[in-house]
């Protein structure tokens, strides 16, 4: 699994577009959402895609992180950018980060060659807050591939994707494992390598579950579930 990186230009840097929506950032508050969309191309009927994207666009979100986009071609990526009426967007076959506010901009964007990680710096055009780093991650679903992917992520030169001491760093994504199980040490078969678990526990906090509350499932299939802190990242 190739974890090399490449610098990338956001959509705004590649082409000038006319957009029609504005979700302003008030003060230092950013509304960020993350979702495993299980393919933005929902069917052969384009109207189905546009209804789903319109629903997401209407949620007054500033930044939308997507996983399992299946945006495999530049043509699809351009189509999704247009349908979201985005001010900026970054795409890979696995992930997407969409800017729905004219107040924000992306720079210093890096993508892993495998397409499972997107990292960029987000700044406010009026400098209402210091820039933040946003990393969107979509880990493999199978334990073997996920374990190898996250192990190599921790062994890789992480300065571009995961710095040793992250600061002002947000990590939305789909980890594809139940993080809370590892915290309780009840798991007999770890679903992620110790180096990754330690890195997350040391540098990130759960931004989904309110303080004093237990993590709630974000995905259910039979009796299996992922908790909010797991499926959506930290």
Foldseek 3Di string as FASTA:
>chain_A
DFFAKDWDDKPVVVDPDQFDAALADDQPDAAEEEEAPLELCPDPDVVVSLVVLVVVLPPSHQKYKYFQHQCDDPVSVVVSCVSSSFPIKDAHRTIIMTGRHPQKDWDLWMATPVRFKIKTWIAGPVRSDDIAIEMEGEADQDLVRRQVVQVVCLVDPCVSGQDQAHDNYHYWYASNDALVCVVVVPDPDDSYDPSNNCSCVVHHDQPPDPPPDDFDFPDDDPHDTHTSCHGTPD
